[in-house]
Amino acid sequence: MQHRSVWTVVENRPEFPRLSQDVEVDVAVVGGGIVGLTTALLARRAGAGSVAVLEAGRLGQGTTGHTTGKVTSQHGLVYAGLIDRYGQDLARVYADANQAGVELVAELAGEYGIDCDLTRAPAVAYTRDPAQRRTLEEEAAAAQRLRLPASLVETTDLPFGIEAAVRFDQQLHFHSGRYVAGLAEALSAAGGQVFEHTRVLEVEEERDGTVRVRTDDATVRASSVVVATLLPINMIGGYFARTRPFRSFGLAARLHGPAPQEMAISIDSPSRSTRPWPDRGPNGLIVVGGGHETGTGQDTQALWDDLEQWTRSTFDVDAVEYRWSGQDYTTADQVPYIGRSSMNDRILVATGFNKWGLSNGTAAAVILSDLLQGRDNPWLAMFDATRVGDAKAVGRLIKDNLKVGADMVGGHLGRLYPHHARHLDRGQGGVVEVDGDSVGAYRDERGGLHAVSLNCTHLGCRLAWNAAETSWDCPCHGSRYDTDGSVLNGPAVKPLPTVDLDDA
């Protein structure tokens, strides 16, 4: 079994250079996932003079490359709640934006000839619990009022019976890595610049009205900047305090027989999400489920084991070939923040996609492209990134930030080794005591010892050891670090300081 996402496997992936000298552009986009690349391409098509995308690693290797690959406006049970909270008009904005996002993905893939296994399929949200039937009836009715392609059904092509399901027709699934690679090639052909292995360290407005983007090796000056990095880096807009980080787990399996061809997600707990995996023909299946808040010290290996056990007990599995995890951020009101940041009008953001970033993220690109052209978008009223939210949302934010405060003081250190790092076996990590201080240590498979500070470089929260993914994770705002201290996930941009340990 390979410990990587199937969407990170891209044949003939285009490669782009690292930014090594200062440049000036009209639009700089920070982040090379679906939001950043779609925004950059739309902006270039709309007439932006010069556009540059800056990606810290490889394009599409972040959250875009660790999703289910479902592109759908069917977001579990969301529409009845949106109508109750915001009224039908604003709920329809959310519905229209996401359905338009689905269709834009299909349009761009067709226009640029992107070979990404794009397939139309129904998306269903189902329950096996008779007590939940009424909830699904209300959701189907709400979605229909919002003019979505919704219906209530009592059967699916899953290998078990259900009580009821909300079905959306003509949705999409695709290979997200190949799609993003196609967007990058289209952007480059249209005159846009793309840079990989270029980590942005700072975004700051200058006195002359331009925005300075500082990277490891160079500076970019731009008229406008879009920060599309899952969560805005550093302190931009304070979004780290307005969202919560969650990790989810996935696997790709080859079955003995045909896999279900519908995309399905259960509303029952624990949630299970399935979709076809065309790379294995009719027998391929993607399964995603389980999850937890980042950095809570949960046994992530147990979550993978539970997901695989459910898959094997539900389907006739020949082999599980891949497994991976992904990270996303939720908002207190379940609606992403998209548009002008609370810092200024020249810095735009898109974050908090609540695990539905392929449709929401594509819709975000439309909004951001309009703002870059000086036009307000009709969807902006729903997604406004400067909004405070209603009383319920504010209450949730207060509760979340009280928890963050507790984590900043105490933290989840994981298992403590009170004696010495020499007690760590190969492939094992944890917290060791060094001269009365706690240090994060990991012994690699070759026996080498790696030790780092346990204070997150974002705001100083104490990190937790993630044994299944061999990473140090922050419970406050979701930053993650490799065993050598390098940044895996922001909002942190600086690596952890390393510590020299006596391994005698």
Protein backbone atom coordinates (compact mmCIF):
# COMPACT_ATOMS: atom_id res chain seq x y z
CA MET A 1 0.00 0.00 0.00
CA GLN A 2 1.28 3.45 -0.88
CA HIS A 3 0.97 6.19 1.71
CA ARG A 4 0.04 8.97 -0.73
CA SER A 5 -3.04 10.35 -2.45
CA VAL A 6 -4.00 8.94 -5.83
CA TRP A 7 -4.47 12.52 -7.02
CA THR A 8 -0.77 13.27 -6.50
CA VAL A 9 0.11 10.62 -9.09
CA VAL A 10 0.25 12.62 -12.33
CA GLU A 11 2.01 11.29 -15.42
CA ASN A 12 4.10 13.85 -17.34
CA ARG A 13 3.43 16.50 -14.74
CA PRO A 14 4.61 19.92 -15.97
CA GLU A 15 7.45 21.42 -13.94
CA PHE A 16 7.88 25.11 -13.23
CA PRO A 17 10.90 27.01 -11.93
CA ARG A 18 11.58 28.42 -8.51
CA LEU A 19 11.35 32.21 -8.33
CA SER A 20 14.93 33.43 -7.94
CA GLN A 21 14.75 37.13 -8.85
CA ASP A 22 12.48 40.08 -8.12
CA VAL A 23 9.50 40.62 -10.43
CA GLU A 24 6.64 43.09 -10.83
CA VAL A 25 3.18 41.93 -11.89
CA ASP A 26 -0.38 43.17 -11.92
CA VAL A 27 -1.70 40.15 -9.99
CA ALA A 28 0.21 37.78 -7.72
CA VAL A 29 -1.57 34.61 -6.60
CA VAL A 30 -0.20 32.81 -3.56
CA GLY A 31 -1.08 29.11 -3.70
CA GLY A 32 -1.11 26.67 -6.61
CA GLY A 33 -4.22 24.63 -5.90
CA ILE A 34 -7.59 24.76 -7.63
CA VAL A 35 -8.48 28.19 -6.20
CA GLY A 36 -5.20 29.87 -7.08
CA LEU A 37 -4.80 28.45 -10.57
CA THR A 38 -8.44 28.96 -11.57
CA THR A 39 -8.31 32.55 -10.31
CA ALA A 40 -5.09 33.24 -12.17
CA LEU A 41 -6.42 31.76 -15.42
CA LEU A 42 -9.73 33.65 -15.22
CA ALA A 43 -7.92 36.89 -14.40
CA ARG A 44 -5.60 36.46 -17.38
CA ARG A 45 -8.53 35.68 -19.65
CA ALA A 46 -10.33 38.80 -18.38
CA GLY A 47 -7.43 41.03 -19.35
CA ALA A 48 -5.07 41.20 -16.37
CA GLY A 49 -1.79 42.41 -17.84
CA SER A 50 0.58 40.11 -15.96
CA VAL A 51 -0.17 37.29 -13.54
CA ALA A 52 2.15 35.14 -11.42
CA VAL A 53 1.30 32.10 -9.29
CA LEU A 54 3.61 31.28 -6.36
CA GLU A 55 3.43 27.76 -4.90
CA ALA A 56 5.45 26.64 -1.88
CA GLY A 57 5.75 23.04 -3.09
CA ARG A 58 4.36 21.38 -6.21
CA LEU A 59 1.14 22.46 -7.87
CA GLY A 60 -1.96 20.63 -6.66
CA GLN A 61 -0.12 18.73 -3.93
CA GLY A 62 -1.90 20.42 -1.03
CA THR A 63 -5.55 20.05 -0.10
CA THR A 64 -6.59 19.98 -3.79
CA GLY A 65 -4.55 16.80 -4.14
CA HIS A 66 -5.98 15.17 -1.02
CA THR A 67 -9.74 15.45 -1.56
CA THR A 68 -12.35 12.91 -2.66
CA GLY A 69 -12.25 14.45 -6.14
CA LYS A 70 -16.00 15.14 -6.06
CA VAL A 71 -17.12 18.35 -7.77
CA THR A 72 -20.67 18.83 -6.61
CA SER A 73 -23.13 21.33 -5.19
CA GLN A 74 -24.48 18.48 -3.03
CA HIS A 75 -22.79 19.29 0.29
CA GLY A 76 -24.37 16.78 2.63
CA LEU A 77 -27.13 18.50 4.57
CA VAL A 78 -26.58 22.22 4.09
CA TYR A 79 -29.45 23.90 2.22
CA ALA A 80 -32.29 23.64 4.75
CA GLY A 81 -29.93 25.10 7.35
CA LEU A 82 -28.83 27.94 5.06
CA ILE A 83 -32.45 28.90 4.39
CA ASP A 84 -33.22 28.91 8.11
CA ARG A 85 -30.17 31.00 8.87
CA TYR A 86 -29.99 33.44 5.96
CA GLY A 87 -33.31 33.24 4.15
CA GLN A 88 -34.04 31.82 0.74
CA ASP A 89 -32.42 34.59 -1.32
CA LEU A 90 -28.94 34.26 0.21
CA ALA A 91 -29.21 30.48 0.36
CA ARG A 92 -29.90 30.56 -3.37
CA VAL A 93 -26.69 32.55 -3.87
CA TYR A 94 -24.71 29.72 -2.23
CA ALA A 95 -26.54 27.16 -4.38
CA ASP A 96 -26.09 29.13 -7.61
CA ALA A 97 -22.40 29.74 -6.95
CA ASN A 98 -21.61 26.10 -6.30
CA GLN A 99 -23.65 24.76 -9.20
CA ALA A 100 -21.89 27.30 -11.42
CA GLY A 101 -18.59 26.08 -9.99
CA VAL A 102 -19.44 22.54 -11.08
CA GLU A 103 -20.23 23.67 -14.61
CA LEU A 104 -17.13 25.88 -14.87
CA VAL A 105 -14.89 22.90 -14.08
CA ALA A 106 -16.55 20.97 -16.93
CA GLU A 107 -16.25 23.99 -19.23
CA LEU A 108 -12.55 24.59 -18.55
CA ALA A 109 -11.67 20.89 -18.83
CA GLY A 110 -13.40 20.76 -22.21
CA GLU A 111 -12.05 24.05 -23.54
CA TYR A 112 -8.44 23.23 -22.73
CA GLY A 113 -8.65 19.52 -23.46
CA ILE A 114 -7.63 18.53 -19.92
CA ASP A 115 -7.51 14.73 -19.62
CA CYS A 116 -8.59 14.32 -16.00
CA ASP A 117 -11.14 11.47 -16.10
CA LEU A 118 -13.95 14.01 -15.74
CA THR A 119 -17.21 12.08 -15.43
CA ARG A 120 -20.83 13.07 -14.86
CA ALA A 121 -22.51 11.14 -12.05
CA PRO A 122 -25.28 11.57 -9.47
CA ALA A 123 -24.30 12.65 -5.96
CA VAL A 124 -26.38 11.28 -3.09
CA ALA A 125 -26.48 12.01 0.64
CA TYR A 126 -28.12 9.04 2.36
CA THR A 127 -29.20 7.66 5.70
CA ARG A 128 -29.89 4.14 6.92
CA ASP A 129 -31.68 5.47 10.02
CA PRO A 130 -35.49 5.78 9.78
CA ALA A 131 -35.35 8.57 12.37
CA GLN A 132 -33.41 10.72 9.87
CA ARG A 133 -35.86 10.38 7.01
CA ARG A 134 -37.70 13.60 7.84
CA THR A 135 -34.41 15.51 7.82
CA LEU A 136 -33.64 14.29 4.32
CA GLU A 137 -37.14 15.13 3.12
CA GLU A 138 -36.66 18.70 4.35
CA GLU A 139 -33.24 18.93 2.70
CA ALA A 140 -34.56 17.70 -0.65
CA ALA A 141 -37.43 20.19 -0.52
CA ALA A 142 -35.05 23.03 0.36
CA ALA A 143 -32.68 22.16 -2.49
CA GLN A 144 -35.57 22.03 -4.94
CA ARG A 145 -36.75 25.49 -3.83
CA LEU A 146 -33.24 26.73 -4.62
CA ARG A 147 -33.52 25.33 -8.16
CA LEU A 148 -30.90 22.65 -7.64
CA PRO A 149 -31.17 19.30 -9.52
CA ALA A 150 -32.38 17.54 -6.38
CA SER A 151 -34.81 14.73 -5.64
CA LEU A 152 -35.62 12.39 -2.76
CA VAL A 153 -34.90 8.72 -3.56
CA GLU A 154 -35.02 5.46 -1.65
CA THR A 155 -32.43 3.43 -3.54
CA THR A 156 -28.78 3.83 -4.57
CA ASP A 157 -26.29 1.52 -6.24
CA LEU A 158 -24.51 0.90 -2.91
CA PRO A 159 -24.40 -2.76 -1.81
CA PHE A 160 -26.84 -2.18 1.06
CA GLY A 161 -30.30 -0.76 1.57
CA ILE A 162 -30.99 2.80 2.69
CA GLU A 163 -33.89 4.61 4.29
CA ALA A 164 -33.71 7.66 2.00
CA ALA A 165 -31.29 9.85 0.09
CA VAL A 166 -31.11 13.32 -1.42
CA ARG A 167 -29.89 12.93 -5.01
CA PHE A 168 -28.35 15.64 -7.19
CA ASP A 169 -28.08 14.72 -10.86
CA GLN A 170 -25.35 15.68 -13.36
CA GLN A 171 -22.57 16.30 -10.86
CA LEU A 172 -18.88 15.57 -11.52
CA HIS A 173 -15.89 13.61 -10.33
CA PHE A 174 -12.37 13.92 -11.72
CA HIS A 175 -8.65 13.46 -11.11
CA SER A 176 -7.84 16.69 -9.31
CA GLY A 177 -4.07 16.46 -9.88
CA ARG A 178 -4.41 16.12 -13.65
CA TYR A 179 -6.99 18.90 -13.75
CA VAL A 180 -4.74 21.32 -11.86
CA ALA A 181 -1.80 20.41 -14.11
CA GLY A 182 -4.00 21.24 -17.11
CA LEU A 183 -4.96 24.61 -15.63
CA ALA A 184 -1.29 25.44 -15.07
CA GLU A 185 -0.41 24.58 -18.67
CA ALA A 186 -3.32 26.70 -19.92
CA LEU A 187 -2.23 29.62 -17.74
CA SER A 188 1.36 29.36 -18.94
CA ALA A 189 0.23 29.22 -22.59
CA ALA A 190 -1.87 32.37 -21.97
CA GLY A 191 1.20 34.29 -20.78
CA GLY A 192 0.91 33.74 -17.03
CA GLN A 193 3.96 32.92 -14.91
CA VAL A 194 3.98 29.91 -12.60
CA PHE A 195 6.60 29.28 -9.92
CA GLU A 196 6.95 26.15 -7.78
CA HIS A 197 9.10 25.58 -4.67
CA THR A 198 8.58 29.26 -3.85
CA ARG A 199 7.32 29.72 -0.31
CA VAL A 200 5.77 33.10 0.45
CA LEU A 201 6.86 34.43 3.83
CA GLU A 202 5.08 37.79 3.97
CA VAL A 203 2.38 39.79 2.19
CA GLU A 204 2.30 43.49 3.01
CA GLU A 205 0.85 46.62 1.45
CA GLU A 206 3.38 49.34 0.67
CA ARG A 207 2.92 53.09 1.06
CA ASP A 208 2.74 53.53 -2.71
CA GLY A 209 -0.38 51.33 -2.84
CA THR A 210 1.34 48.24 -4.23
CA VAL A 211 1.62 44.96 -2.35
CA ARG A 212 4.98 43.40 -1.54
CA VAL A 213 5.17 39.61 -1.50
CA ARG A 214 8.38 38.32 0.05
CA THR A 215 9.56 34.79 -0.72
CA ASP A 216 12.61 32.79 0.33
CA ASP A 217 14.75 34.22 -2.48
CA ALA A 218 12.97 37.17 -4.07
CA THR A 219 10.32 39.88 -3.82
CA VAL A 220 7.22 40.24 -5.96
CA ARG A 221 5.53 43.63 -6.26
CA ALA A 222 1.93 43.51 -7.40
CA SER A 223 -1.07 45.77 -7.76
CA SER A 224 -3.25 43.07 -6.17
CA VAL A 225 -2.57 39.80 -4.37
CA VAL A 226 -4.81 36.76 -3.96
CA VAL A 227 -3.94 34.55 -0.99
CA ALA A 228 -5.25 31.07 -1.82
CA THR A 229 -3.25 28.95 0.61
CA LEU A 230 -6.05 26.94 2.29
CA LEU A 231 -5.72 29.28 5.29
CA PRO A 232 -4.14 32.71 4.75
CA ILE A 233 -0.53 32.74 5.96
CA ASN A 234 0.66 34.43 9.12
CA MET A 235 -1.86 36.92 10.53
CA ILE A 236 -3.67 37.97 7.34
CA GLY A 237 -7.27 38.89 8.14
CA GLY A 238 -7.26 37.01 11.43
CA TYR A 239 -8.79 34.01 9.67
CA PHE A 240 -6.78 31.65 11.86
CA ALA A 241 -9.07 32.76 14.71
CA ARG A 242 -12.25 32.48 12.61
CA THR A 243 -11.87 28.91 11.37
CA ARG A 244 -11.06 25.46 12.76
CA PRO A 245 -8.69 22.92 11.14
CA PHE A 246 -9.88 19.36 10.48
CA ARG A 247 -8.15 16.33 9.02
CA SER A 248 -9.98 13.63 7.03
CA PHE A 249 -8.81 10.19 5.88
CA GLY A 250 -9.09 8.41 2.56
CA LEU A 251 -8.12 5.26 0.69
CA ALA A 252 -8.27 3.87 -2.83
CA ALA A 253 -9.26 0.23 -3.31
CA ARG A 254 -9.52 -2.24 -6.18
CA LEU A 255 -12.59 -4.47 -5.90
CA HIS A 256 -13.13 -7.97 -7.27
CA GLY A 257 -16.25 -6.74 -9.05
CA PRO A 258 -17.72 -3.45 -10.30
CA ALA A 259 -17.76 -0.51 -7.88
CA PRO A 260 -20.82 1.71 -7.36
CA GLN A 261 -20.91 4.45 -9.99
CA GLU A 262 -22.80 7.03 -7.95
CA MET A 263 -21.03 9.40 -5.59
CA ALA A 264 -22.40 8.86 -2.10
CA ILE A 265 -21.98 10.29 1.38
CA SER A 266 -23.70 9.15 4.56
CA ILE A 267 -25.19 11.62 6.99
CA ASP A 268 -24.97 8.96 9.70
CA SER A 269 -22.00 8.76 12.05
CA PRO A 270 -19.29 7.91 11.29
CA SER A 271 -19.59 9.52 7.87
CA ARG A 272 -18.52 7.52 4.83
CA SER A 273 -18.01 9.04 1.37
CA THR A 274 -17.52 6.94 -1.77
CA ARG A 275 -16.99 7.53 -5.48
CA PRO A 276 -15.62 5.59 -8.47
CA TRP A 277 -11.87 5.46 -9.16
CA PRO A 278 -11.56 5.27 -12.96
CA ASP A 279 -7.83 4.52 -12.85
CA ARG A 280 -8.81 0.94 -11.99
CA GLY A 281 -11.57 0.75 -14.57
CA PRO A 282 -14.99 -0.36 -13.29
CA ASN A 283 -13.45 -1.92 -10.16
CA GLY A 284 -11.87 1.16 -8.59
CA LEU A 285 -13.33 2.80 -5.48
CA ILE A 286 -12.39 5.85 -3.38
CA VAL A 287 -13.53 5.88 0.25
CA VAL A 288 -13.16 8.83 2.62
CA GLY A 289 -14.33 9.04 6.22
CA GLY A 290 -13.47 9.67 9.82
CA GLY A 291 -11.52 12.68 10.95
CA HIS A 292 -10.62 14.92 13.83
CA GLU A 293 -9.46 18.41 14.65
CA THR A 294 -5.82 18.85 13.77
CA GLY A 295 -3.34 18.42 16.61
CA THR A 296 -5.68 16.79 19.10
CA GLY A 297 -3.37 13.83 19.59
CA GLN A 298 -5.88 11.28 18.35
CA ASP A 299 -4.78 7.84 17.17
CA THR A 300 -4.82 8.55 13.44
CA GLN A 301 -3.69 5.04 12.62
CA ALA A 302 -6.85 3.73 14.26
CA LEU A 303 -8.97 5.97 12.03
CA TRP A 304 -7.32 4.56 8.91
CA ASP A 305 -7.75 1.03 10.23
CA ASP A 306 -11.44 1.68 10.92
CA LEU A 307 -11.95 3.08 7.42
CA GLU A 308 -10.29 0.07 5.83
CA GLN A 309 -12.28 -2.35 8.00
CA TRP A 310 -15.55 -0.69 6.92
CA THR A 311 -14.50 -0.83 3.26
CA ARG A 312 -13.60 -4.52 3.43
CA SER A 313 -16.78 -5.42 5.31
CA THR A 314 -18.97 -3.47 2.84
CA PHE A 315 -17.35 -4.28 -0.52
CA ASP A 316 -15.57 -7.28 -2.04
CA VAL A 317 -12.07 -5.79 -1.81
CA ASP A 318 -9.20 -7.21 -3.81
CA ALA A 319 -6.58 -4.76 -2.51
CA VAL A 320 -6.27 -1.38 -0.82
CA GLU A 321 -3.62 0.39 -2.89
CA TYR A 322 -3.38 3.94 -1.48
CA ARG A 323 -4.20 5.79 1.68
CA TRP A 324 -3.90 9.47 2.54
CA SER A 325 -5.26 12.28 4.66
CA GLY A 326 -6.19 15.85 3.92
CA GLN A 327 -6.80 19.07 5.79
CA ASP A 328 -9.48 21.72 5.49
CA TYR A 329 -10.94 24.50 7.61
CA THR A 330 -14.52 24.98 8.74
CA THR A 331 -16.21 28.28 9.52
CA ALA A 332 -18.64 29.01 12.30
CA ASP A 333 -21.53 29.60 9.88
CA GLN A 334 -20.57 26.86 7.35
CA VAL A 335 -19.95 29.41 4.56
CA PRO A 336 -16.46 30.16 3.15
CA TYR A 337 -14.75 33.54 3.45
CA ILE A 338 -14.15 34.88 -0.06
CA GLY A 339 -13.21 38.36 -1.23
CA ARG A 340 -11.48 41.39 0.22
CA SER A 341 -9.56 40.60 3.38
CA SER A 342 -10.19 42.63 6.50
CA MET A 343 -6.69 44.09 6.04
CA ASN A 344 -7.28 46.03 2.82
CA ASP A 345 -8.86 45.92 -0.63
CA ARG A 346 -5.68 44.95 -2.45
CA ILE A 347 -5.29 41.64 -0.64
CA LEU A 348 -7.99 39.11 -1.50
CA VAL A 349 -8.57 35.76 0.19
CA ALA A 350 -10.51 32.52 -0.11
CA THR A 351 -10.65 30.12 2.84
CA GLY A 352 -12.90 27.97 5.04
CA PHE A 353 -14.37 25.66 2.40
CA ASN A 354 -15.80 23.20 4.95
CA LYS A 355 -14.49 20.17 2.95
CA TRP A 356 -16.28 21.22 -0.27
CA GLY A 357 -13.46 23.17 -1.86
CA LEU A 358 -13.63 21.91 -5.45
CA SER A 359 -16.99 23.54 -6.21
CA ASN A 360 -16.71 26.33 -3.63
CA GLY A 361 -13.11 27.00 -4.65
CA THR A 362 -14.00 27.28 -8.33
CA ALA A 363 -16.84 29.65 -7.46
CA ALA A 364 -14.37 31.60 -5.33
CA ALA A 365 -12.14 32.04 -8.37
CA VAL A 366 -15.03 33.67 -10.25
CA ILE A 367 -15.64 36.10 -7.39
CA LEU A 368 -11.95 36.92 -7.02
CA SER A 369 -11.45 37.42 -10.75
CA ASP A 370 -14.32 39.91 -10.82
CA LEU A 371 -12.87 41.82 -7.87
CA LEU A 372 -9.48 41.95 -9.58
CA GLN A 373 -11.20 43.61 -12.54
CA GLY A 374 -12.86 46.17 -10.27
CA ARG A 375 -16.30 44.53 -10.46
CA ASP A 376 -18.40 43.38 -7.52
CA ASN A 377 -19.75 39.89 -7.97
CA PRO A 378 -23.43 39.12 -7.21
CA TRP A 379 -22.34 36.17 -5.04
CA LEU A 380 -20.17 38.32 -2.81
CA ALA A 381 -23.00 39.16 -0.40
CA MET A 382 -23.10 35.54 0.77
CA PHE A 383 -19.36 34.86 0.99
CA ASP A 384 -18.08 38.30 2.08
CA ALA A 385 -14.72 37.69 3.77
CA THR A 386 -15.16 40.68 6.10
CA ARG A 387 -18.43 39.48 7.63
CA VAL A 388 -18.73 38.96 11.37
CA GLY A 389 -21.68 36.56 11.27
CA ASP A 390 -24.84 36.21 13.29
CA ALA A 391 -25.08 35.67 17.05
CA LYS A 392 -24.83 31.90 16.65
CA ALA A 393 -21.63 32.21 14.61
CA VAL A 394 -20.11 34.68 17.06
CA GLY A 395 -20.90 32.33 19.94
CA ARG A 396 -19.18 29.49 18.11
CA LEU A 397 -16.11 31.65 17.48
CA ILE A 398 -15.88 32.57 21.17
CA LYS A 399 -16.08 28.91 22.17
CA ASP A 400 -13.46 27.87 19.60
CA ASN A 401 -11.03 30.59 20.65
CA LEU A 402 -11.39 29.75 24.34
CA LYS A 403 -10.27 26.24 23.40
CA VAL A 404 -7.37 27.66 21.40
CA GLY A 405 -6.34 29.71 24.43
CA ALA A 406 -6.24 26.56 26.53
CA ASP A 407 -4.15 24.82 23.89
CA MET A 408 -1.70 27.73 23.79
CA VAL A 409 -1.14 27.36 27.52
CA GLY A 410 -1.07 23.58 27.80
CA GLY A 411 -1.30 21.89 24.44
CA HIS A 412 -1.52 18.23 23.49
CA LEU A 413 2.01 16.95 23.79
CA GLY A 414 1.24 13.33 23.09
CA ARG A 415 3.15 10.54 24.73
CA LEU A 416 5.98 11.67 27.03
CA TYR A 417 9.30 9.82 27.19
CA PRO A 418 10.70 11.09 30.49
CA HIS A 419 14.17 9.61 30.14
CA HIS A 420 16.09 9.84 26.87
CA ALA A 421 15.70 9.86 23.09
CA ARG A 422 17.68 6.58 22.91
CA HIS A 423 14.47 4.84 24.00
CA LEU A 424 12.84 5.75 20.68
CA ASP A 425 12.63 2.84 18.25
CA ARG A 426 13.03 3.31 14.50
CA GLY A 427 9.95 4.95 13.01
CA GLN A 428 8.87 6.21 16.44
CA GLY A 429 8.47 9.76 17.66
CA GLY A 430 7.39 11.53 20.79
CA VAL A 431 8.27 14.07 23.43
CA VAL A 432 11.48 13.72 25.41
CA GLU A 433 12.87 15.69 28.32
CA VAL A 434 16.12 17.59 27.78
CA ASP A 435 17.47 19.56 30.74
CA GLY A 436 13.96 20.01 32.09
CA ASP A 437 12.50 21.11 28.77
CA SER A 438 10.26 19.18 26.37
CA VAL A 439 11.60 18.49 22.87
CA GLY A 440 10.00 16.71 19.92
CA ALA A 441 12.12 13.76 18.76
CA TYR A 442 11.82 11.20 15.96
CA ARG A 443 14.06 8.30 14.98
CA ASP A 444 13.87 7.55 11.26
CA GLU A 445 13.97 4.12 9.65
CA ARG A 446 17.75 4.33 9.23
CA GLY A 447 18.23 5.11 12.91
CA GLY A 448 18.87 8.83 12.50
CA LEU A 449 17.55 11.09 15.25
CA HIS A 450 15.67 14.32 14.47
CA ALA A 451 14.70 16.77 17.22
CA VAL A 452 12.78 20.04 17.03
CA SER A 453 11.27 22.71 19.22
CA LEU A 454 7.65 22.05 20.19
CA ASN A 455 6.51 25.67 19.86
CA CYS A 456 4.60 26.44 16.65
CA THR A 457 6.27 29.26 14.74
CA HIS A 458 2.89 30.86 14.01
CA LEU A 459 1.76 31.87 17.51
CA GLY A 460 3.74 29.61 19.80
CA CYS A 461 1.19 26.87 20.56
CA ARG A 462 2.52 23.53 21.79
CA LEU A 463 2.59 20.86 19.10
CA ALA A 464 1.26 17.30 19.20
CA TRP A 465 2.90 14.21 17.71
CA ASN A 466 0.93 12.59 14.88
CA ALA A 467 2.24 9.03 14.83
CA ALA A 468 0.45 7.74 11.72
CA GLU A 469 1.56 10.68 9.57
CA THR A 470 4.90 11.28 11.35
CA SER A 471 4.33 14.99 11.78
CA TRP A 472 4.15 17.62 14.49
CA ASP A 473 0.68 19.23 14.42
CA CYS A 474 -0.62 22.44 15.97
CA PRO A 475 -4.01 22.17 17.76
CA CYS A 476 -4.56 25.93 17.67
CA HIS A 477 -4.62 26.82 13.99
CA GLY A 478 -3.61 23.68 12.08
CA SER A 479 0.02 24.31 11.13
CA ARG A 480 1.90 21.05 10.58
CA TYR A 481 5.60 20.26 10.40
CA ASP A 482 7.71 17.40 9.11
CA THR A 483 10.09 15.58 11.44
CA ASP A 484 12.94 17.84 10.31
CA GLY A 485 10.89 20.93 11.23
CA SER A 486 9.94 22.00 7.69
CA VAL A 487 6.42 23.40 7.19
CA LEU A 488 3.80 20.99 5.80
CA ASN A 489 0.72 23.17 6.36
CA GLY A 490 0.30 26.88 7.21
CA PRO A 491 -0.58 29.40 8.48
CA ALA A 492 3.01 29.05 9.73
CA VAL A 493 5.68 29.86 7.15
CA LYS A 494 8.83 29.43 9.24
CA PRO A 495 10.29 25.98 10.06
CA LEU A 496 10.71 24.73 13.59
CA PRO A 497 14.13 25.29 15.16
CA THR A 498 16.10 22.07 15.33
CA VAL A 499 17.62 20.78 18.56
CA ASP A 500 20.87 18.87 18.98
CA LEU A 501 20.40 15.79 21.15
CA ASP A 502 22.96 13.50 22.66
CA ASP A 503 22.02 10.05 21.34
CA ALA A 504 24.52 8.20 23.52
